[in-house]
Amino acid sequence: MKLYFSRNPNPRLAVATARFLNAEVDFEFAAPFAEGQAERYRPLNPNLLLPILERPGRALWEADAIVCFLSRKTGSNFWRREDDEPEMIRWISWGKENFVKACDMVHWERGTKLRYRIGPCDEAMVEEGLKAFHKAAKVLEAELSGRAWLLGDTISYADFRMATFLPYNDAARLPIGDYPALARWVGLLEQIEAWRDPFRGLDAPELPPLPD
């Protein structure tokens, strides 16, 4: 199997998970939107978005689906099953529409737009994103104040998914430190090598630098 990736948030999430699970996959940096590359990747993902897992049969795309497959393939409970699965899916769903979405809004303005020269940072959108961040962070702070991980004493994919944009906080500058339990949880994630440095040893060009 081969996992096509870039250094952007969702591909990073897939690479971090594959390395955390010690999945038997090869990694290949890809740029489907680069000149002359679209037709190579379109049969694998008609959206031309990463990550993509090339496997026997039909290619799999979307980070959550790839993680579900790799977790089952490796026999891991990282993607929870049985009684814990609904709670994990609840956090994935809530996060993508609340905490992760808020982080994305701020990172888009302060990070992505500036890295790729898409346009100036829209401070009104930053403020909207920060407002949503604080609202969601309060929910997470209450939940994480009583346990190490979102599903209790052991990590699950819900934790990785919720933290999708936090490795890019040098650009987004989200006020994680305002929430002690949330900051502690981020610190626990940073102790996991696969999360902290998922691209170690891979041929993975750096993201464009932020302007001075």
C-alpha atoms as a PDB file:
ATOM      1  CA  MET A   1       0.000   0.000   0.000  1.00  0.00           C
ATOM      2  CA  LYS A   2       1.111   3.558  -0.631  1.00  0.00           C
ATOM      3  CA  LEU A   3       0.019   6.695   1.214  1.00  0.00           C
ATOM      4  CA  TYR A   4       0.222   9.884  -0.854  1.00  0.00           C
ATOM      5  CA  PHE A   5       0.629  12.921   1.346  1.00  0.00           C
ATOM      6  CA  SER A   6       1.712  16.519   1.713  1.00  0.00           C
ATOM      7  CA  ARG A   7       2.607  18.596   4.779  1.00  0.00           C
ATOM      8  CA  ASN A   8      -0.882  20.103   4.996  1.00  0.00           C
ATOM      9  CA  PRO A   9      -3.158  19.308   7.973  1.00  0.00           C
ATOM     10  CA  ASN A  10      -5.274  16.370   6.804  1.00  0.00           C
ATOM     11  CA  PRO A  11      -2.435  14.547   5.019  1.00  0.00           C
ATOM     12  CA  ARG A  12      -0.289  15.135   8.125  1.00  0.00           C
ATOM     13  CA  LEU A  13      -3.019  13.527  10.204  1.00  0.00           C
ATOM     14  CA  ALA A  14      -2.981  10.418   8.009  1.00  0.00           C
ATOM     15  CA  VAL A  15       0.817  10.137   8.046  1.00  0.00           C
ATOM     16  CA  ALA A  16       0.961  10.593  11.835  1.00  0.00           C
ATOM     17  CA  THR A  17      -1.627   7.856  12.298  1.00  0.00           C
ATOM     18  CA  ALA A  18       0.061   5.438   9.900  1.00  0.00           C
ATOM     19  CA  ARG A  19       3.359   5.867  11.743  1.00  0.00           C
ATOM     20  CA  PHE A  20       1.691   5.672  15.167  1.00  0.00           C
ATOM     21  CA  LEU A  21       0.106   2.368  14.140  1.00  0.00           C
ATOM     22  CA  ASN A  22       3.298   1.090  12.472  1.00  0.00           C
ATOM     23  CA  ALA A  23       1.172   0.361   9.415  1.00  0.00           C
ATOM     24  CA  GLU A  24       2.887  -1.367   6.516  1.00  0.00           C
ATOM     25  CA  VAL A  25       2.584   1.426   3.986  1.00  0.00           C
ATOM     26  CA  ASP A  26       5.003   3.284   1.752  1.00  0.00           C
ATOM     27  CA  PHE A  27       4.880   7.068   1.843  1.00  0.00           C
ATOM     28  CA  GLU A  28       5.079   9.285  -1.226  1.00  0.00           C
ATOM     29  CA  PHE A  29       4.914  13.058  -1.287  1.00  0.00           C
ATOM     30  CA  ALA A  30       2.388  14.225  -3.873  1.00  0.00           C
ATOM     31  CA  ALA A  31       1.154  17.469  -5.420  1.00  0.00           C
ATOM     32  CA  PRO A  32      -1.949  16.640  -7.490  1.00  0.00           C
ATOM     33  CA  PHE A  33      -2.585  20.302  -8.351  1.00  0.00           C
ATOM     34  CA  ALA A  34       0.927  20.878  -9.679  1.00  0.00           C
ATOM     35  CA  GLU A  35       1.243  21.370 -13.406  1.00  0.00           C
ATOM     36  CA  GLY A  36       0.872  18.109 -15.306  1.00  0.00           C
ATOM     37  CA  GLN A  37       0.041  16.014 -12.226  1.00  0.00           C
ATOM     38  CA  ALA A  38      -3.761  15.973 -12.159  1.00  0.00           C
ATOM     39  CA  GLU A  39      -4.309  13.041 -14.514  1.00  0.00           C
ATOM     40  CA  ARG A  40      -1.957  10.857 -12.509  1.00  0.00           C
ATOM     41  CA  TYR A  41      -4.014  11.248  -9.337  1.00  0.00           C
ATOM     42  CA  ARG A  42      -7.543  11.688 -10.675  1.00  0.00           C
ATOM     43  CA  PRO A  43      -8.136   7.901 -10.968  1.00  0.00           C
ATOM     44  CA  LEU A  44      -7.196   7.612  -7.281  1.00  0.00           C
ATOM     45  CA  ASN A  45      -9.280  10.562  -6.064  1.00  0.00           C
ATOM     46  CA  PRO A  46     -11.529  12.556  -8.403  1.00  0.00           C
ATOM     47  CA  ASN A  47     -11.258  15.497  -5.984  1.00  0.00           C
ATOM     48  CA  LEU A  48      -7.455  15.547  -6.367  1.00  0.00           C
ATOM     49  CA  LEU A  49      -7.146  16.035  -2.614  1.00  0.00           C
ATOM     50  CA  LEU A  50      -4.725  14.353  -0.227  1.00  0.00           C
ATOM     51  CA  PRO A  51      -4.328  12.043   1.602  1.00  0.00           C
ATOM     52  CA  ILE A  52      -4.876   9.092  -0.716  1.00  0.00           C
ATOM     53  CA  LEU A  53      -4.228   5.466   0.203  1.00  0.00           C
ATOM     54  CA  GLU A  54      -3.455   3.333  -2.829  1.00  0.00           C
ATOM     55  CA  ARG A  55      -4.263  -0.278  -2.023  1.00  0.00           C
ATOM     56  CA  PRO A  56      -5.326  -3.456  -3.832  1.00  0.00           C
ATOM     57  CA  GLY A  57      -8.741  -2.869  -5.315  1.00  0.00           C
ATOM     58  CA  ARG A  58     -10.081   0.652  -4.963  1.00  0.00           C
ATOM     59  CA  ALA A  59      -8.030   3.567  -3.648  1.00  0.00           C
ATOM     60  CA  LEU A  60      -9.226   5.141  -0.414  1.00  0.00           C
ATOM     61  CA  TRP A  61      -9.375   8.869   0.223  1.00  0.00           C
ATOM     62  CA  GLU A  62     -10.372  11.125   3.151  1.00  0.00           C
ATOM     63  CA  ALA A  63      -8.244  10.976   6.305  1.00  0.00           C
ATOM     64  CA  ASP A  64     -10.952   9.528   8.569  1.00  0.00           C
ATOM     65  CA  ALA A  65     -11.658   6.654   6.185  1.00  0.00           C
ATOM     66  CA  ILE A  66      -7.944   5.929   5.782  1.00  0.00           C
ATOM     67  CA  VAL A  67      -7.410   5.883   9.548  1.00  0.00           C
ATOM     68  CA  CYS A  68     -10.385   3.559  10.049  1.00  0.00           C
ATOM     69  CA  PHE A  69      -8.971   1.166   7.452  1.00  0.00           C
ATOM     70  CA  LEU A  70      -5.402   1.235   8.803  1.00  0.00           C
ATOM     71  CA  SER A  71      -6.562   0.768  12.377  1.00  0.00           C
ATOM     72  CA  ARG A  72      -8.530  -2.323  11.391  1.00  0.00           C
ATOM     73  CA  LYS A  73      -5.684  -3.556   9.194  1.00  0.00           C
ATOM     74  CA  THR A  74      -3.214  -3.360  12.083  1.00  0.00           C
ATOM     75  CA  GLY A  75      -5.629  -4.796  14.649  1.00  0.00           C
ATOM     76  CA  SER A  76      -5.482  -1.598  16.698  1.00  0.00           C
ATOM     77  CA  ASN A  77      -8.174  -0.112  18.890  1.00  0.00           C
ATOM     78  CA  PHE A  78      -6.995   3.398  17.943  1.00  0.00           C
ATOM     79  CA  TRP A  79     -10.170   3.628  15.872  1.00  0.00           C
ATOM     80  CA  ARG A  80     -12.505   2.484  18.608  1.00  0.00           C
ATOM     81  CA  ARG A  81     -14.896  -0.350  18.031  1.00  0.00           C
ATOM     82  CA  GLU A  82     -17.853  -1.819  19.876  1.00  0.00           C
ATOM     83  CA  ASP A  83     -19.205   0.280  22.778  1.00  0.00           C
ATOM     84  CA  ASP A  84     -16.642   3.116  22.498  1.00  0.00           C
ATOM     85  CA  GLU A  85     -17.112   3.727  18.785  1.00  0.00           C
ATOM     86  CA  PRO A  86     -20.211   5.956  19.018  1.00  0.00           C
ATOM     87  CA  GLU A  87     -18.511   8.229  21.546  1.00  0.00           C
ATOM     88  CA  MET A  88     -15.405   8.469  19.386  1.00  0.00           C
ATOM     89  CA  ILE A  89     -17.502   9.334  16.327  1.00  0.00           C
ATOM     90  CA  ARG A  90     -19.356  11.934  18.382  1.00  0.00           C
ATOM     91  CA  TRP A  91     -16.067  13.722  19.153  1.00  0.00           C
ATOM     92  CA  ILE A  92     -14.880  13.461  15.547  1.00  0.00           C
ATOM     93  CA  SER A  93     -18.176  14.909  14.307  1.00  0.00           C
ATOM     94  CA  TRP A  94     -18.389  17.642  16.944  1.00  0.00           C
ATOM     95  CA  GLY A  95     -14.749  18.576  16.518  1.00  0.00           C
ATOM     96  CA  LYS A  96     -14.940  18.989  12.754  1.00  0.00           C
ATOM     97  CA  GLU A  97     -17.915  21.321  13.090  1.00  0.00           C
ATOM     98  CA  ASN A  98     -16.665  23.206  16.146  1.00  0.00           C
ATOM     99  CA  PHE A  99     -13.101  23.079  17.544  1.00  0.00           C
ATOM    100  CA  VAL A 100     -11.328  21.863  14.395  1.00  0.00           C
ATOM    101  CA  LYS A 101     -13.390  24.219  12.246  1.00  0.00           C
ATOM    102  CA  ALA A 102     -12.499  27.191  14.465  1.00  0.00           C
ATOM    103  CA  CYS A 103      -8.795  26.313  14.351  1.00  0.00           C
ATOM    104  CA  ASP A 104      -9.032  25.993  10.582  1.00  0.00           C
ATOM    105  CA  MET A 105     -10.654  29.424  10.237  1.00  0.00           C
ATOM    106  CA  VAL A 106      -7.827  31.142  12.108  1.00  0.00           C
ATOM    107  CA  HIS A 107      -5.082  29.091  10.481  1.00  0.00           C
ATOM    108  CA  TRP A 108      -6.478  29.814   7.018  1.00  0.00           C
ATOM    109  CA  GLU A 109      -6.194  33.549   7.595  1.00  0.00           C
ATOM    110  CA  ARG A 110      -2.923  33.684   9.519  1.00  0.00           C
ATOM    111  CA  GLY A 111      -1.211  30.736   7.872  1.00  0.00           C
ATOM    112  CA  THR A 112      -2.462  29.290   4.600  1.00  0.00           C
ATOM    113  CA  LYS A 113      -3.409  32.542   2.853  1.00  0.00           C
ATOM    114  CA  LEU A 114      -0.057  34.111   3.647  1.00  0.00           C
ATOM    115  CA  ARG A 115       2.044  31.011   2.860  1.00  0.00           C
ATOM    116  CA  TYR A 116       0.492  30.628  -0.584  1.00  0.00           C
ATOM    117  CA  ARG A 117       0.026  34.348  -1.318  1.00  0.00           C
ATOM    118  CA  ILE A 118      -3.740  33.896  -1.613  1.00  0.00           C
ATOM    119  CA  GLY A 119      -4.462  37.273  -0.088  1.00  0.00           C
ATOM    120  CA  PRO A 120      -4.110  39.354   3.087  1.00  0.00           C
ATOM    121  CA  CYS A 121      -5.211  38.138   6.489  1.00  0.00           C
ATOM    122  CA  ASP A 122      -8.838  39.101   7.126  1.00  0.00           C
ATOM    123  CA  GLU A 123      -8.859  40.206  10.763  1.00  0.00           C
ATOM    124  CA  ALA A 124     -12.650  40.045  10.946  1.00  0.00           C
ATOM    125  CA  MET A 125     -12.521  36.359  10.018  1.00  0.00           C
ATOM    126  CA  VAL A 126      -9.750  35.813  12.570  1.00  0.00           C
ATOM    127  CA  GLU A 127     -11.954  37.327  15.268  1.00  0.00           C
ATOM    128  CA  GLU A 128     -14.865  35.136  14.206  1.00  0.00           C
ATOM    129  CA  GLY A 129     -12.622  32.094  14.319  1.00  0.00           C
ATOM    130  CA  LEU A 130     -11.243  33.017  17.749  1.00  0.00           C
ATOM    131  CA  LYS A 131     -14.745  33.475  19.093  1.00  0.00           C
ATOM    132  CA  ALA A 132     -15.647  29.984  17.881  1.00  0.00           C
ATOM    133  CA  PHE A 133     -12.350  28.652  19.259  1.00  0.00           C
ATOM    134  CA  HIS A 134     -13.048  29.953  22.767  1.00  0.00           C
ATOM    135  CA  LYS A 135     -16.559  28.550  22.737  1.00  0.00           C
ATOM    136  CA  ALA A 136     -15.341  25.094  21.727  1.00  0.00           C
ATOM    137  CA  ALA A 137     -12.231  25.203  23.923  1.00  0.00           C
ATOM    138  CA  LYS A 138     -14.424  25.680  26.998  1.00  0.00           C
ATOM    139  CA  VAL A 139     -16.211  22.436  26.185  1.00  0.00           C
ATOM    140  CA  LEU A 140     -12.927  20.584  25.764  1.00  0.00           C
ATOM    141  CA  GLU A 141     -11.483  22.143  28.917  1.00  0.00           C
ATOM    142  CA  ALA A 142     -14.386  20.813  30.957  1.00  0.00           C
ATOM    143  CA  GLU A 143     -14.088  17.349  29.412  1.00  0.00           C
ATOM    144  CA  LEU A 144     -10.301  17.059  29.665  1.00  0.00           C
ATOM    145  CA  SER A 145     -10.077  18.391  33.213  1.00  0.00           C
ATOM    146  CA  GLY A 146     -11.190  14.980  34.456  1.00  0.00           C
ATOM    147  CA  ARG A 147      -9.256  12.632  32.171  1.00  0.00           C
ATOM    148  CA  ALA A 148      -6.135  12.345  30.059  1.00  0.00           C
ATOM    149  CA  TRP A 149      -7.761  11.741  26.667  1.00  0.00           C
ATOM    150  CA  LEU A 150     -11.135  12.368  25.090  1.00  0.00           C
ATOM    151  CA  LEU A 151     -12.216   8.767  25.612  1.00  0.00           C
ATOM    152  CA  GLY A 152     -10.658   8.242  29.017  1.00  0.00           C
ATOM    153  CA  ASP A 153      -7.257   6.858  29.955  1.00  0.00           C
ATOM    154  CA  THR A 154      -6.054   5.788  26.503  1.00  0.00           C
ATOM    155  CA  ILE A 155      -5.587   7.724  23.298  1.00  0.00           C
ATOM    156  CA  SER A 156      -7.906   7.272  20.337  1.00  0.00           C
ATOM    157  CA  TYR A 157      -8.253   8.751  16.870  1.00  0.00           C
ATOM    158  CA  ALA A 158     -10.628  11.312  18.360  1.00  0.00           C
ATOM    159  CA  ASP A 159      -7.602  12.961  19.985  1.00  0.00           C
ATOM    160  CA  PHE A 160      -5.592  13.070  16.760  1.00  0.00           C
ATOM    161  CA  ARG A 161      -8.556  14.393  14.773  1.00  0.00           C
ATOM    162  CA  MET A 162      -9.409  17.059  17.348  1.00  0.00           C
ATOM    163  CA  ALA A 163      -5.809  18.304  17.257  1.00  0.00           C
ATOM    164  CA  THR A 164      -5.521  18.385  13.448  1.00  0.00           C
ATOM    165  CA  PHE A 165      -4.495  22.061  13.218  1.00  0.00           C
ATOM    166  CA  LEU A 166      -2.585  22.453  16.478  1.00  0.00           C
ATOM    167  CA  PRO A 167       0.824  21.495  15.014  1.00  0.00           C
ATOM    168  CA  TYR A 168       0.472  24.667  12.905  1.00  0.00           C
ATOM    169  CA  ASN A 169      -0.116  26.940  15.867  1.00  0.00           C
ATOM    170  CA  ASP A 170       3.120  28.804  15.213  1.00  0.00           C
ATOM    171  CA  ALA A 171       1.131  30.427  12.408  1.00  0.00           C
ATOM    172  CA  ALA A 172      -2.392  30.439  13.883  1.00  0.00           C
ATOM    173  CA  ARG A 173      -1.329  31.635  17.371  1.00  0.00           C
ATOM    174  CA  LEU A 174      -4.405  30.194  19.051  1.00  0.00           C
ATOM    175  CA  PRO A 175      -4.461  30.910  22.822  1.00  0.00           C
ATOM    176  CA  ILE A 176      -4.114  27.299  23.961  1.00  0.00           C
ATOM    177  CA  GLY A 177      -2.422  28.458  27.163  1.00  0.00           C
ATOM    178  CA  ASP A 178      -5.674  30.027  28.345  1.00  0.00           C
ATOM    179  CA  TYR A 179      -6.984  26.502  28.978  1.00  0.00           C
ATOM    180  CA  PRO A 180      -4.782  24.425  31.346  1.00  0.00           C
ATOM    181  CA  ALA A 181      -6.385  21.029  30.710  1.00  0.00           C
ATOM    182  CA  LEU A 182      -6.354  21.624  26.967  1.00  0.00           C
ATOM    183  CA  ALA A 183      -2.692  22.670  27.113  1.00  0.00           C
ATOM    184  CA  ARG A 184      -1.834  19.547  29.133  1.00  0.00           C
ATOM    185  CA  TRP A 185      -3.574  17.378  26.509  1.00  0.00           C
ATOM    186  CA  VAL A 186      -1.587  19.083  23.745  1.00  0.00           C
ATOM    187  CA  GLY A 187       1.554  18.359  25.725  1.00  0.00           C
ATOM    188  CA  LEU A 188       0.664  14.669  25.927  1.00  0.00           C
ATOM    189  CA  LEU A 189       0.218  14.557  22.170  1.00  0.00           C
ATOM    190  CA  GLU A 190       3.607  16.196  21.680  1.00  0.00           C
ATOM    191  CA  GLN A 191       5.234  13.362  23.634  1.00  0.00           C
ATOM    192  CA  ILE A 192       4.184  10.941  20.866  1.00  0.00           C
ATOM    193  CA  GLU A 193       6.932  10.910  18.252  1.00  0.00           C
ATOM    194  CA  ALA A 194       4.619   9.948  15.392  1.00  0.00           C
ATOM    195  CA  TRP A 195       2.494  12.997  16.165  1.00  0.00           C
ATOM    196  CA  ARG A 196       5.326  15.383  16.966  1.00  0.00           C
ATOM    197  CA  ASP A 197       7.392  14.619  13.863  1.00  0.00           C
ATOM    198  CA  PRO A 198       5.420  12.464  11.412  1.00  0.00           C
ATOM    199  CA  PHE A 199       7.602  13.405   8.422  1.00  0.00           C
ATOM    200  CA  ARG A 200      10.895  12.328  10.013  1.00  0.00           C
ATOM    201  CA  GLY A 201      12.982  10.538   7.419  1.00  0.00           C
ATOM    202  CA  LEU A 202      10.484  11.105   4.607  1.00  0.00           C
ATOM    203  CA  ASP A 203      11.038  13.047   1.408  1.00  0.00           C
ATOM    204  CA  ALA A 204       8.666  15.868   2.283  1.00  0.00           C
ATOM    205  CA  PRO A 205       9.439  19.414   1.110  1.00  0.00           C
ATOM    206  CA  GLU A 206       8.742  22.061   3.726  1.00  0.00           C
ATOM    207  CA  LEU A 207       5.675  24.284   3.515  1.00  0.00           C
ATOM    208  CA  PRO A 208       6.278  27.709   1.974  1.00  0.00           C
ATOM    209  CA  PRO A 209       7.543  30.074   4.680  1.00  0.00           C
ATOM    210  CA  LEU A 210       5.351  32.708   6.217  1.00  0.00           C
ATOM    211  CA  PRO A 211       6.261  36.221   5.093  1.00  0.00           C
ATOM    212  CA  ASP A 212       8.248  38.344   7.531  1.00  0.00           C
END
